[in-house]
Amino acid sequence: MSNAKKHRTPWLDDEGEAPLVHEYAEKLGGFMSAMADGKIEKHELEHQEERVVALMKKIEPELDPALHEQVTRLLCELTAYNIMHTLHGLLEAAPKTKFRG
């Protein structure tokens, strides 16, 4: 049995209630270097897209049709969750008072 089969990186927290994706993303070297200055440059976004495309090309052919549909749905739901999570964080961090000059 391969090492990949022995150990699986869990997708959910210990209670099985919250995704761990953001915690894992924070450990990615490309993500951390892109976020270091607080802005995302076009080339950083392009490099991230290249990594995503490479993984998709590697993994997609290995999926049978039923699993492919489930993983596609997961990727779509995860993308929506990430966008919502990011916007929620930005809105929570925004000042709560209005400027009255």
N, C-alpha and C. Protein backbone atom coordinates (compact mmCIF):
# COMPACT_ATOMS: atom_id res chain seq x y z
N MET A 1 0.85 -1.19 0.00
CA MET A 1 0.00 0.00 0.00
C MET A 1 0.89 1.24 0.00
N SER A 2 0.57 2.21 -0.85
CA SER A 2 1.38 3.42 -0.95
C SER A 2 1.18 4.32 0.27
N ASN A 3 2.14 5.20 0.46
CA ASN A 3 2.07 6.13 1.58
C ASN A 3 0.83 7.02 1.48
N ALA A 4 0.42 7.37 0.26
CA ALA A 4 -0.76 8.22 0.06
C ALA A 4 -2.02 7.53 0.58
N LYS A 5 -2.08 6.21 0.48
CA LYS A 5 -3.24 5.47 0.95
C LYS A 5 -3.23 5.32 2.47
N LYS A 6 -2.04 5.30 3.08
CA LYS A 6 -1.92 5.13 4.52
C LYS A 6 -2.38 6.38 5.27
N HIS A 7 -1.99 7.54 4.75
CA HIS A 7 -2.32 8.79 5.43
C HIS A 7 -3.12 9.69 4.50
N ARG A 8 -4.26 10.12 4.99
CA ARG A 8 -5.08 11.07 4.24
C ARG A 8 -5.16 12.36 5.02
N THR A 9 -5.00 13.46 4.32
CA THR A 9 -5.17 14.76 4.93
C THR A 9 -6.67 14.97 5.10
N PRO A 10 -7.13 15.13 6.34
CA PRO A 10 -8.58 15.27 6.54
C PRO A 10 -9.12 16.56 5.93
N TRP A 11 -10.31 16.47 5.39
CA TRP A 11 -10.96 17.63 4.79
C TRP A 11 -11.73 18.44 5.83
N LEU A 12 -12.14 17.79 6.92
CA LEU A 12 -12.97 18.44 7.94
C LEU A 12 -12.28 18.42 9.29
N ASP A 13 -12.70 19.32 10.18
CA ASP A 13 -12.14 19.37 11.52
C ASP A 13 -12.52 18.11 12.30
N ASP A 14 -12.03 17.99 13.54
CA ASP A 14 -12.26 16.79 14.34
C ASP A 14 -13.74 16.50 14.57
N GLU A 15 -14.57 17.53 14.60
CA GLU A 15 -16.00 17.34 14.80
C GLU A 15 -16.72 17.04 13.49
N GLY A 16 -16.00 17.18 12.38
CA GLY A 16 -16.61 16.94 11.07
C GLY A 16 -17.59 18.01 10.65
N GLU A 17 -17.43 19.21 11.21
CA GLU A 17 -18.38 20.29 10.95
C GLU A 17 -17.81 21.43 10.12
N ALA A 18 -16.50 21.59 10.10
CA ALA A 18 -15.91 22.75 9.42
C ALA A 18 -14.78 22.30 8.48
N PRO A 19 -14.77 22.85 7.27
CA PRO A 19 -13.68 22.51 6.34
C PRO A 19 -12.34 23.05 6.84
N LEU A 20 -11.28 22.33 6.55
CA LEU A 20 -9.93 22.74 6.93
C LEU A 20 -9.16 23.37 5.77
N VAL A 21 -9.84 23.63 4.68
CA VAL A 21 -9.19 24.12 3.46
C VAL A 21 -8.41 25.40 3.70
N HIS A 22 -8.98 26.35 4.42
CA HIS A 22 -8.29 27.62 4.63
C HIS A 22 -7.00 27.43 5.42
N GLU A 23 -7.04 26.54 6.41
CA GLU A 23 -5.84 26.27 7.18
C GLU A 23 -4.75 25.66 6.30
N TYR A 24 -5.13 24.76 5.41
CA TYR A 24 -4.16 24.16 4.50
C TYR A 24 -3.64 25.18 3.50
N ALA A 25 -4.52 26.03 3.00
CA ALA A 25 -4.10 27.05 2.03
C ALA A 25 -3.06 27.98 2.64
N GLU A 26 -3.22 28.27 3.92
CA GLU A 26 -2.28 29.17 4.60
C GLU A 26 -0.88 28.57 4.69
N LYS A 27 -0.76 27.27 4.48
CA LYS A 27 0.54 26.59 4.54
C LYS A 27 1.19 26.46 3.16
N LEU A 28 0.47 26.84 2.11
CA LEU A 28 1.02 26.75 0.76
C LEU A 28 2.01 27.89 0.53
N GLY A 29 3.20 27.55 0.08
CA GLY A 29 4.24 28.55 -0.13
C GLY A 29 3.83 29.64 -1.09
N GLY A 30 3.24 29.27 -2.23
CA GLY A 30 2.82 30.26 -3.21
C GLY A 30 1.78 31.22 -2.66
N PHE A 31 0.86 30.69 -1.89
CA PHE A 31 -0.19 31.52 -1.29
C PHE A 31 0.42 32.50 -0.29
N MET A 32 1.29 31.99 0.57
CA MET A 32 1.86 32.85 1.61
C MET A 32 2.73 33.96 1.00
N SER A 33 3.51 33.62 -0.01
CA SER A 33 4.34 34.67 -0.62
C SER A 33 3.47 35.69 -1.36
N ALA A 34 2.39 35.23 -1.97
CA ALA A 34 1.49 36.15 -2.66
C ALA A 34 0.79 37.08 -1.67
N MET A 35 0.45 36.57 -0.51
CA MET A 35 -0.29 37.35 0.49
C MET A 35 0.60 38.24 1.35
N ALA A 36 1.89 38.03 1.29
CA ALA A 36 2.82 38.71 2.21
C ALA A 36 2.70 40.23 2.17
N ASP A 37 2.47 40.80 1.00
CA ASP A 37 2.40 42.26 0.90
C ASP A 37 0.97 42.79 0.95
N GLY A 38 0.00 41.90 1.15
CA GLY A 38 -1.38 42.33 1.28
C GLY A 38 -2.10 42.61 -0.02
N LYS A 39 -1.48 42.30 -1.14
CA LYS A 39 -2.15 42.48 -2.42
C LYS A 39 -1.75 41.32 -3.34
N ILE A 40 -2.61 41.05 -4.28
CA ILE A 40 -2.37 39.97 -5.22
C ILE A 40 -2.05 40.58 -6.58
N GLU A 41 -0.85 40.32 -7.05
CA GLU A 41 -0.41 40.80 -8.35
C GLU A 41 -0.93 39.85 -9.44
N LYS A 42 -1.04 40.38 -10.65
CA LYS A 42 -1.53 39.56 -11.77
C LYS A 42 -0.69 38.31 -11.96
N HIS A 43 0.62 38.42 -11.88
CA HIS A 43 1.48 37.25 -12.08
C HIS A 43 1.29 36.21 -10.97
N GLU A 44 0.98 36.66 -9.76
CA GLU A 44 0.74 35.72 -8.66
C GLU A 44 -0.55 34.93 -8.91
N LEU A 45 -1.57 35.63 -9.39
CA LEU A 45 -2.83 34.97 -9.73
C LEU A 45 -2.61 33.98 -10.88
N GLU A 46 -1.82 34.38 -11.86
CA GLU A 46 -1.53 33.49 -12.99
C GLU A 46 -0.78 32.23 -12.54
N HIS A 47 0.18 32.40 -11.62
CA HIS A 47 0.92 31.23 -11.12
C HIS A 47 0.00 30.29 -10.35
N GLN A 48 -0.93 30.85 -9.57
CA GLN A 48 -1.88 30.01 -8.84
C GLN A 48 -2.77 29.26 -9.83
N GLU A 49 -3.21 29.94 -10.86
CA GLU A 49 -4.03 29.29 -11.88
C GLU A 49 -3.27 28.15 -12.54
N GLU A 50 -1.99 28.36 -12.82
CA GLU A 50 -1.17 27.30 -13.43
C GLU A 50 -1.11 26.07 -12.53
N ARG A 51 -0.97 26.28 -11.22
CA ARG A 51 -0.93 25.15 -10.28
C ARG A 51 -2.26 24.41 -10.26
N VAL A 52 -3.36 25.16 -10.29
CA VAL A 52 -4.69 24.55 -10.29
C VAL A 52 -4.90 23.74 -11.57
N VAL A 53 -4.57 24.32 -12.70
CA VAL A 53 -4.74 23.64 -13.99
C VAL A 53 -3.90 22.36 -14.03
N ALA A 54 -2.67 22.43 -13.56
CA ALA A 54 -1.80 21.24 -13.57
C ALA A 54 -2.41 20.11 -12.72
N LEU A 55 -2.93 20.45 -11.56
CA LEU A 55 -3.56 19.43 -10.72
C LEU A 55 -4.83 18.88 -11.36
N MET A 56 -5.62 19.75 -11.97
CA MET A 56 -6.83 19.28 -12.64
C MET A 56 -6.48 18.32 -13.77
N LYS A 57 -5.46 18.65 -14.56
CA LYS A 57 -5.06 17.79 -15.67
C LYS A 57 -4.55 16.44 -15.17
N LYS A 58 -3.92 16.44 -14.01
CA LYS A 58 -3.40 15.20 -13.44
C LYS A 58 -4.51 14.33 -12.86
N ILE A 59 -5.45 14.94 -12.17
CA ILE A 59 -6.46 14.20 -11.41
C ILE A 59 -7.69 13.83 -12.24
N GLU A 60 -8.16 14.73 -13.08
CA GLU A 60 -9.42 14.51 -13.80
C GLU A 60 -9.47 13.19 -14.57
N PRO A 61 -8.42 12.82 -15.30
CA PRO A 61 -8.50 11.56 -16.06
C PRO A 61 -8.60 10.31 -15.18
N GLU A 62 -8.24 10.42 -13.92
CA GLU A 62 -8.28 9.27 -13.03
C GLU A 62 -9.66 9.03 -12.41
N LEU A 63 -10.58 9.96 -12.61
CA LEU A 63 -11.90 9.87 -11.97
C LEU A 63 -12.89 9.18 -12.88
N ASP A 64 -13.63 8.23 -12.30
CA ASP A 64 -14.72 7.63 -13.08
C ASP A 64 -15.84 8.67 -13.18
N PRO A 65 -16.77 8.51 -14.11
CA PRO A 65 -17.78 9.55 -14.36
C PRO A 65 -18.58 9.97 -13.11
N ALA A 66 -18.98 9.03 -12.29
CA ALA A 66 -19.78 9.39 -11.11
C ALA A 66 -18.95 10.21 -10.12
N LEU A 67 -17.72 9.76 -9.86
CA LEU A 67 -16.85 10.49 -8.94
C LEU A 67 -16.46 11.84 -9.54
N HIS A 68 -16.28 11.90 -10.86
CA HIS A 68 -15.97 13.15 -11.53
C HIS A 68 -17.06 14.18 -11.27
N GLU A 69 -18.32 13.76 -11.37
CA GLU A 69 -19.43 14.68 -11.13
C GLU A 69 -19.43 15.16 -9.68
N GLN A 70 -19.15 14.27 -8.74
CA GLN A 70 -19.12 14.66 -7.32
C GLN A 70 -17.97 15.62 -7.04
N VAL A 71 -16.80 15.35 -7.60
CA VAL A 71 -15.66 16.23 -7.38
C VAL A 71 -15.89 17.58 -8.05
N THR A 72 -16.51 17.58 -9.22
CA THR A 72 -16.85 18.85 -9.89
C THR A 72 -17.77 19.67 -9.00
N ARG A 73 -18.78 19.04 -8.44
CA ARG A 73 -19.71 19.73 -7.53
C ARG A 73 -18.97 20.25 -6.30
N LEU A 74 -18.08 19.42 -5.75
CA LEU A 74 -17.28 19.83 -4.60
C LEU A 74 -16.44 21.05 -4.93
N LEU A 75 -15.78 21.04 -6.08
CA LEU A 75 -14.95 22.18 -6.46
C LEU A 75 -15.79 23.46 -6.61
N CYS A 76 -16.96 23.33 -7.19
CA CYS A 76 -17.85 24.49 -7.35
C CYS A 76 -18.33 25.01 -5.99
N GLU A 77 -18.77 24.10 -5.14
CA GLU A 77 -19.23 24.51 -3.80
C GLU A 77 -18.09 25.11 -2.99
N LEU A 78 -16.90 24.53 -3.12
CA LEU A 78 -15.74 25.04 -2.40
C LEU A 78 -15.36 26.43 -2.89
N THR A 79 -15.43 26.64 -4.19
CA THR A 79 -15.14 27.96 -4.74
C THR A 79 -16.14 28.99 -4.21
N ALA A 80 -17.42 28.65 -4.21
CA ALA A 80 -18.43 29.56 -3.67
C ALA A 80 -18.17 29.84 -2.19
N TYR A 81 -17.85 28.79 -1.43
CA TYR A 81 -17.55 28.95 0.00
C TYR A 81 -16.35 29.87 0.20
N ASN A 82 -15.29 29.69 -0.58
CA ASN A 82 -14.10 30.52 -0.44
C ASN A 82 -14.38 31.98 -0.73
N ILE A 83 -15.17 32.23 -1.78
CA ILE A 83 -15.53 33.61 -2.11
C ILE A 83 -16.36 34.22 -0.97
N MET A 84 -17.35 33.47 -0.50
CA MET A 84 -18.19 33.96 0.59
C MET A 84 -17.37 34.18 1.86
N HIS A 85 -16.47 33.25 2.17
CA HIS A 85 -15.62 33.34 3.36
C HIS A 85 -14.74 34.59 3.29
N THR A 86 -14.16 34.84 2.13
CA THR A 86 -13.30 36.00 1.94
C THR A 86 -14.09 37.30 2.08
N LEU A 87 -15.24 37.37 1.41
CA LEU A 87 -16.05 38.60 1.51
C LEU A 87 -16.55 38.83 2.93
N HIS A 88 -16.94 37.76 3.60
CA HIS A 88 -17.38 37.89 4.99
C HIS A 88 -16.25 38.46 5.86
N GLY A 89 -15.05 37.91 5.67
CA GLY A 89 -13.90 38.40 6.43
C GLY A 89 -13.59 39.86 6.15
N LEU A 90 -13.69 40.25 4.88
CA LEU A 90 -13.44 41.65 4.52
C LEU A 90 -14.49 42.57 5.14
N LEU A 91 -15.74 42.15 5.09
CA LEU A 91 -16.81 42.97 5.65
C LEU A 91 -16.72 43.05 7.17
N GLU A 92 -16.32 41.96 7.81
CA GLU A 92 -16.16 41.97 9.27
C GLU A 92 -15.01 42.89 9.68
N ALA A 93 -13.98 42.97 8.84
CA ALA A 93 -12.82 43.79 9.17
C ALA A 93 -13.04 45.28 8.86
N ALA A 94 -14.05 45.58 8.07
CA ALA A 94 -14.33 46.97 7.71
C ALA A 94 -14.78 47.77 8.93
N PRO A 95 -14.43 49.04 8.98
CA PRO A 95 -14.88 49.88 10.11
C PRO A 95 -16.40 49.88 10.21
N LYS A 96 -16.89 49.84 11.42
CA LYS A 96 -18.34 49.78 11.66
C LYS A 96 -18.98 51.16 11.74
N THR A 97 -18.18 52.19 11.85
CA THR A 97 -18.73 53.55 11.94
C THR A 97 -18.58 54.25 10.59
N LYS A 98 -19.48 55.20 10.37
CA LYS A 98 -19.42 55.99 9.15
C LYS A 98 -18.67 57.28 9.44
N PHE A 99 -17.90 57.71 8.47
CA PHE A 99 -17.18 58.97 8.60
C PHE A 99 -18.18 60.11 8.48
N ARG A 100 -18.11 61.02 9.42
CA ARG A 100 -18.98 62.20 9.39
C ARG A 100 -18.08 63.42 9.45
N GLY A 101 -17.70 63.90 8.28
CA GLY A 101 -16.71 64.98 8.18
C GLY A 101 -17.28 66.33 8.15
